[in-house]
Protein backbone atom coordinates (compact mmCIF):
# COMPACT_ATOMS: atom_id res chain seq x y z
CA MET A 1 1.35 -6.09 17.30
CA LEU A 2 -0.10 -3.68 14.78
CA HIS A 3 0.73 -0.75 17.04
CA HIS A 4 4.39 -1.80 17.14
CA ALA A 5 4.41 -2.23 13.37
CA ARG A 6 3.15 1.32 12.90
CA ARG A 7 5.81 2.71 15.20
CA LEU A 8 8.56 0.78 13.43
CA GLU A 9 7.28 1.92 10.05
CA ASN A 10 7.22 5.58 11.12
CA ALA A 11 10.76 5.29 12.47
CA SER A 12 11.99 3.67 9.26
CA SER A 13 10.36 6.42 7.20
CA THR A 14 12.29 9.05 9.17
CA PHE A 15 15.60 7.23 8.70
CA PHE A 16 14.88 6.82 4.99
CA PHE A 17 14.23 10.51 4.50
CA PHE A 18 17.39 11.67 6.25
CA GLY A 19 19.41 9.02 4.46
CA PHE A 20 18.00 10.27 1.15
CA ALA A 21 18.72 13.90 2.05
CA ILE A 22 22.33 13.22 3.04
CA SER A 23 22.95 11.01 0.02
CA GLN A 24 22.40 14.01 -2.27
CA LEU A 25 25.89 15.20 -1.22
CA ARG A 26 27.57 12.28 -2.99
CA PHE A 27 28.74 14.57 -5.81
CA ALA A 28 30.31 17.07 -3.41
CA PRO A 29 34.10 17.24 -2.87
CA PHE A 30 35.72 13.95 -1.93
CA PHE A 31 35.78 14.17 1.87
CA ILE A 32 32.23 15.52 2.09
CA ALA A 33 30.99 12.92 -0.42
CA ALA A 34 32.69 10.08 1.47
CA PHE A 35 31.22 11.19 4.79
CA ALA A 36 27.76 11.62 3.21
CA LYS A 37 27.92 8.19 1.59
CA ILE A 38 28.91 6.39 4.79
CA THR A 39 26.32 8.25 6.87
CA SER A 40 23.52 7.67 4.36
CA LEU A 41 24.39 3.96 4.15
CA LEU A 42 24.16 3.62 7.93
CA LEU A 43 20.81 5.42 7.97
CA TYR A 44 19.53 3.27 5.12
CA LEU A 45 20.71 0.11 6.86
CA VAL A 46 18.75 0.97 10.01
CA ALA A 47 15.74 2.02 7.93
CA TYR A 48 15.63 -1.21 5.93
CA GLY A 49 15.98 -3.28 9.10
CA LEU A 50 13.10 -1.46 10.81
CA TRP A 51 11.00 -1.65 7.66
CA LEU A 52 11.51 -5.39 7.23
CA THR A 53 10.69 -5.99 10.90
CA ALA A 54 7.53 -3.88 10.66
CA SER A 55 6.32 -5.73 7.56
CA LEU A 56 6.50 -9.03 9.45
CA PHE A 57 3.84 -7.78 11.88
CA TYR A 58 1.36 -6.72 9.19
CA PRO A 59 -1.86 -8.81 9.08
CA ASP A 60 -2.73 -10.58 5.84
CA HIS A 61 -4.82 -8.62 3.36
CA PRO A 62 -6.09 -10.05 0.04
CA ARG A 63 -4.31 -8.66 -2.99
CA LEU A 64 -6.00 -7.43 -6.16
CA GLN A 65 -5.07 -10.37 -8.36
CA ARG A 66 -6.48 -8.95 -11.60
CA GLU A 67 -4.45 -5.74 -11.38
CA TRP A 68 -0.85 -5.39 -12.50
CA TYR A 69 0.18 -4.04 -9.10
CA GLY A 70 -1.42 -6.95 -7.22
CA PHE A 71 1.32 -9.51 -7.86
CA ALA A 72 1.69 -9.93 -4.07
CA GLN A 73 0.13 -8.78 -0.83
CA PHE A 74 0.97 -5.32 0.41
CA LYS A 75 3.12 -6.64 3.25
CA ASN A 76 4.95 -9.05 0.93
CA GLN A 77 5.72 -6.20 -1.45
CA HIS A 78 7.25 -4.28 1.43
CA GLN A 79 9.29 -7.32 2.42
CA ILE A 80 10.62 -7.72 -1.12
CA ALA A 81 11.54 -4.03 -1.27
CA ALA A 82 13.29 -4.18 2.12
CA ILE A 83 15.29 -7.29 1.16
CA LEU A 84 16.38 -5.76 -2.16
CA GLY A 85 17.39 -2.59 -0.34
CA GLY A 86 19.40 -4.59 2.19
CA ILE A 87 21.27 -6.35 -0.62
CA ALA A 88 21.93 -2.95 -2.21
CA ILE A 89 23.43 -1.75 1.08
CA ILE A 90 25.81 -4.75 1.13
CA PHE A 91 26.89 -4.05 -2.46
CA SER A 92 27.40 -0.37 -1.63
CA VAL A 93 29.68 -1.22 1.30
CA LEU A 94 31.68 -3.63 -0.84
CA ALA A 95 31.95 -0.91 -3.49
CA PHE A 96 34.52 0.84 -1.29
CA ILE A 97 36.81 -2.12 -2.06
CA PHE A 98 35.42 -3.06 -5.49
CA PRO A 99 34.20 0.18 -7.13
CA MET A 100 32.43 -1.64 -9.97
CA LEU A 101 29.88 -2.96 -7.46
CA ALA A 102 28.49 0.57 -7.22
CA LEU A 103 26.71 -0.04 -10.52
CA PRO A 104 24.61 -3.08 -9.46
CA ALA A 105 24.07 -1.44 -6.06
CA SER A 106 22.52 1.64 -7.66
CA TRP A 107 20.16 -0.45 -9.78
CA LEU A 108 19.21 -2.61 -6.79
CA PHE A 109 18.12 0.59 -5.06
CA VAL A 110 16.00 1.36 -8.12
CA PHE A 111 14.33 -2.06 -8.05
CA SER A 112 13.73 -1.76 -4.32
CA ASN A 113 12.15 1.68 -4.69
CA CYS A 114 10.02 0.52 -7.62
CA VAL A 115 8.57 -2.37 -5.60
CA TRP A 116 7.99 0.05 -2.70
CA LEU A 117 6.20 2.51 -5.00
CA ILE A 118 4.04 -0.27 -6.45
CA GLY A 119 3.18 -1.43 -2.94
CA GLU A 120 2.10 2.06 -1.87
CA TYR A 121 -0.02 2.42 -5.01
CA HIS A 122 -1.49 -1.01 -4.26
CA LYS A 123 -2.37 0.23 -0.78
CA GLN A 124 -4.00 3.34 -2.26
CA GLN A 125 -6.22 1.25 -4.55
CA ASN A 126 -6.86 -1.45 -1.94
CA PRO A 127 -6.85 0.21 1.53
CA LEU A 128 -6.00 -1.90 4.53
CA PRO A 129 -9.14 -2.52 6.67
CA TYR A 130 -7.21 -2.63 9.94
CA GLU A 131 -5.99 0.99 9.58
CA GLU A 132 -8.67 2.93 11.45
CA ASP A 133 -7.05 6.30 10.70
CA TYR A 134 -6.51 5.64 6.98
CA SER A 135 -6.69 8.76 4.81
CA SER A 136 -6.80 8.47 1.02
CA GLU A 137 -5.67 12.09 0.81
CA ARG A 138 -2.60 11.37 2.93
CA GLN A 139 -1.85 8.18 1.00
CA SER A 140 -1.98 10.07 -2.31
CA ILE A 141 0.64 12.48 -0.99
CA TYR A 142 2.79 9.57 0.12
CA VAL A 143 2.56 7.98 -3.34
CA ILE A 144 3.85 11.23 -4.86
CA TYR A 145 6.68 11.25 -2.31
CA ALA A 146 7.56 7.65 -3.20
CA SER A 147 7.48 8.54 -6.91
CA LEU A 148 9.96 11.38 -6.40
CA VAL A 149 12.34 9.19 -4.37
CA THR A 150 12.14 6.46 -7.02
CA THR A 151 12.76 8.99 -9.79
CA MET A 152 15.87 10.26 -8.01
CA ALA A 153 17.10 6.69 -7.58
CA CYS A 154 16.68 6.12 -11.33
CA ILE A 155 18.63 9.31 -12.13
CA THR A 156 21.41 8.22 -9.79
CA ALA A 157 21.58 4.76 -11.37
CA ILE A 158 21.68 6.23 -14.88
CA ALA A 159 24.41 8.67 -13.85
CA THR A 160 26.44 5.87 -12.28
CA THR A 161 26.06 3.80 -15.45
CA VAL A 162 27.16 6.70 -17.67
CA ILE A 163 30.20 7.44 -15.51
CA ALA A 164 31.16 3.75 -15.39
CA PHE A 165 31.08 3.24 -19.18
CA TRP A 166 31.85 6.78 -20.40
CA PRO A 167 34.26 8.42 -17.97
CA ALA A 168 34.70 11.40 -20.32
CA ALA A 169 31.09 12.44 -19.66
CA MET A 170 31.62 12.51 -15.91
CA ALA A 171 31.64 16.33 -15.55
CA VAL A 172 28.43 16.86 -17.51
CA THR A 173 26.74 13.93 -15.81
CA VAL A 174 27.63 15.16 -12.33
CA LEU A 175 26.40 18.68 -13.16
CA LEU A 176 23.05 17.52 -14.53
CA THR A 177 22.56 15.04 -11.71
CA SER A 178 23.27 17.73 -9.12
CA ILE A 179 20.66 20.02 -10.66
CA PHE A 180 18.06 17.25 -10.67
CA ALA A 181 19.01 16.35 -7.11
CA ILE A 182 18.35 19.91 -5.92
CA LEU A 183 15.01 20.23 -7.70
CA ILE A 184 13.67 16.78 -6.89
CA GLY A 185 15.09 16.93 -3.37
CA ALA A 186 13.20 20.15 -2.63
CA ALA A 187 9.94 18.67 -3.91
CA THR A 188 10.58 15.48 -1.95
CA PHE A 189 11.08 17.43 1.28
CA ARG A 190 7.84 19.31 0.70
CA TYR A 191 5.72 16.18 0.25
CA TRP A 192 7.47 14.39 3.11
CA ALA A 193 6.70 17.29 5.45
CA GLU A 194 3.09 17.46 4.21
CA TYR A 195 2.65 13.73 4.78
CA THR A 196 4.36 13.73 8.18
CA PHE A 197 3.20 16.93 9.90
CA PHE A 198 -0.07 18.03 8.26
CA GLU A 199 -3.56 16.91 9.26
CA HIS A 200 -5.62 14.96 6.74
CA ASN A 201 -9.24 13.86 6.61
CA ILE A 202 -9.77 10.27 7.72
CA ASP A 203 -11.87 8.10 5.40
CA LYS A 204 -15.16 6.72 6.69
CA LYS A 205 -15.34 2.94 6.55
CA LYS A 206 -18.52 1.02 5.75
CA GLY A 207 -18.04 -1.23 8.73
CA SER A 208 -17.42 1.58 11.18
CA TYR A 209 -18.74 1.66 14.73
CA ASN A 210 -21.29 4.38 13.97
CA THR A 211 -22.75 2.41 11.08
CA LEU A 212 -23.05 -0.76 13.13
CA LEU A 213 -24.64 1.18 15.99
CA ALA A 214 -27.23 2.71 13.67
CA ASN A 215 -28.11 -0.68 12.20
CA GLU A 216 -28.45 -2.10 15.72
CA LEU A 217 -30.76 0.65 17.02
CA ALA A 218 -33.04 0.84 13.98
CA PRO A 219 -34.85 -2.51 14.57
CA ARG A 220 -35.29 -1.70 18.25
CA GLN A 221 -37.03 1.56 17.43
CA ARG A 222 -39.43 -0.26 15.13
CA VAL A 223 -40.14 -2.87 17.79
CA GLN A 224 -41.02 -0.18 20.33
CA LEU A 225 -43.74 1.18 18.04
CA GLU A 226 -45.50 -2.15 17.59
CA PRO A 227 -46.79 -2.70 21.22
CA THR A 228 -48.44 0.75 21.28
CA GLU A 229 -50.38 0.10 18.12
CA SER A 230 -51.42 -3.44 19.06
CA ALA A 231 -52.49 -2.35 22.57
CA SER A 232 -54.80 0.28 21.10
CA ALA A 233 -56.28 -2.27 18.77
CA ARG A 234 -56.87 -4.67 21.65
CA ASN A 235 -58.59 -1.96 23.74
CA ILE A 236 -60.95 -1.11 20.89
CA ALA A 237 -61.71 -4.78 20.33
CA ASN A 238 -62.73 -5.23 24.00
CA TYR A 239 -65.64 -2.77 23.72
CA THR A 240 -68.99 -4.49 23.13
CA PRO A 241 -70.95 -3.01 20.21
CA ILE A 242 -73.93 -0.91 21.36
CA PHE A 243 -76.52 -2.52 19.10
CA ILE A 244 -75.56 -6.03 20.14
CA HIS A 245 -75.76 -5.08 23.82
CA HIS A 246 -79.38 -3.77 23.52
CA SER A 247 -80.69 -6.47 21.21
CA SER A 248 -82.63 -8.30 23.99
CA VAL A 249 -85.93 -6.63 22.91
CA SER A 250 -87.92 -9.17 20.91
CA ILE A 251 -90.07 -8.17 17.94
CA PRO A 252 -93.45 -9.96 17.77
CA PRO A 253 -94.47 -11.52 14.50
CA ASN A 254 -96.99 -9.74 12.28
CA PRO A 255 -100.45 -11.34 12.83
CA SER A 256 -101.59 -10.45 9.40
CA LEU A 257 -98.85 -12.57 7.88
CA ILE A 258 -99.84 -15.54 10.06
CA GLU A 259 -103.59 -15.30 9.42
CA ASN A 260 -103.30 -14.77 5.66
CA PRO A 261 -100.96 -17.38 4.29
CA THR A 262 -101.39 -16.05 0.77
CA GLN A 263 -99.36 -12.97 1.72
CA SER A 264 -96.17 -14.94 1.95
CA GLY A 265 -92.95 -14.36 0.20
CA SER A 266 -94.06 -16.68 -2.67
CA PHE A 267 -95.84 -15.76 -5.89
CA ASN A 268 -99.45 -16.86 -6.74
CA TYR A 269 -100.09 -18.00 -10.24
């Protein structure tokens, strides 16, 4: 089950990235922007579906209750983010008919990305024990990637809000947003590629197989030393002392002590 969850999560990550990359064309000319918006929404829809399915297969892992980011388990945080993203997709589709729905849709994407970012930071501070190939270095890169995506979502939501309430500032808003999209998009691609294709050092776990094997062999090595020492002691103990073996010679009493009782061990007064 965990293997399938990992595969679904990797697939959803790929769909998310390409959806994010194509969505940066939303401020292009009308036909290009419309095509980019529809394509990115389809990619996001598939990504959120795969992500929600993958999170259902995650095992339970205790959350850090005393920390601000531990308001829910890691898998529950992913489920919340996926559900919010799915609702944002529905609002975005309806925005083709009701344009004002683009505003709540953009902020729903922000909330979804914020919960996702918090969940990834939660995972960094509280690694999942069932991930044998967990790398804190790789997770740190992924947190930066999630931060950049969330930042771009915030910029998009702010730009949508400005255009909705101040149409006169549309030209300046589109220009500034496009510049930020190029800069942040380039950095996002870099960290996504580093997370996806580069090799990273795997963290050593305290309960790893090598540690358990060492703890298992150590008592056995000590036990093997004990019979050798005790056998030597038993062999030495079996030898009869020399003086006790030749003590059959009797020593006659001193006649002078028998004949003269006054030369005893007592004092004469």
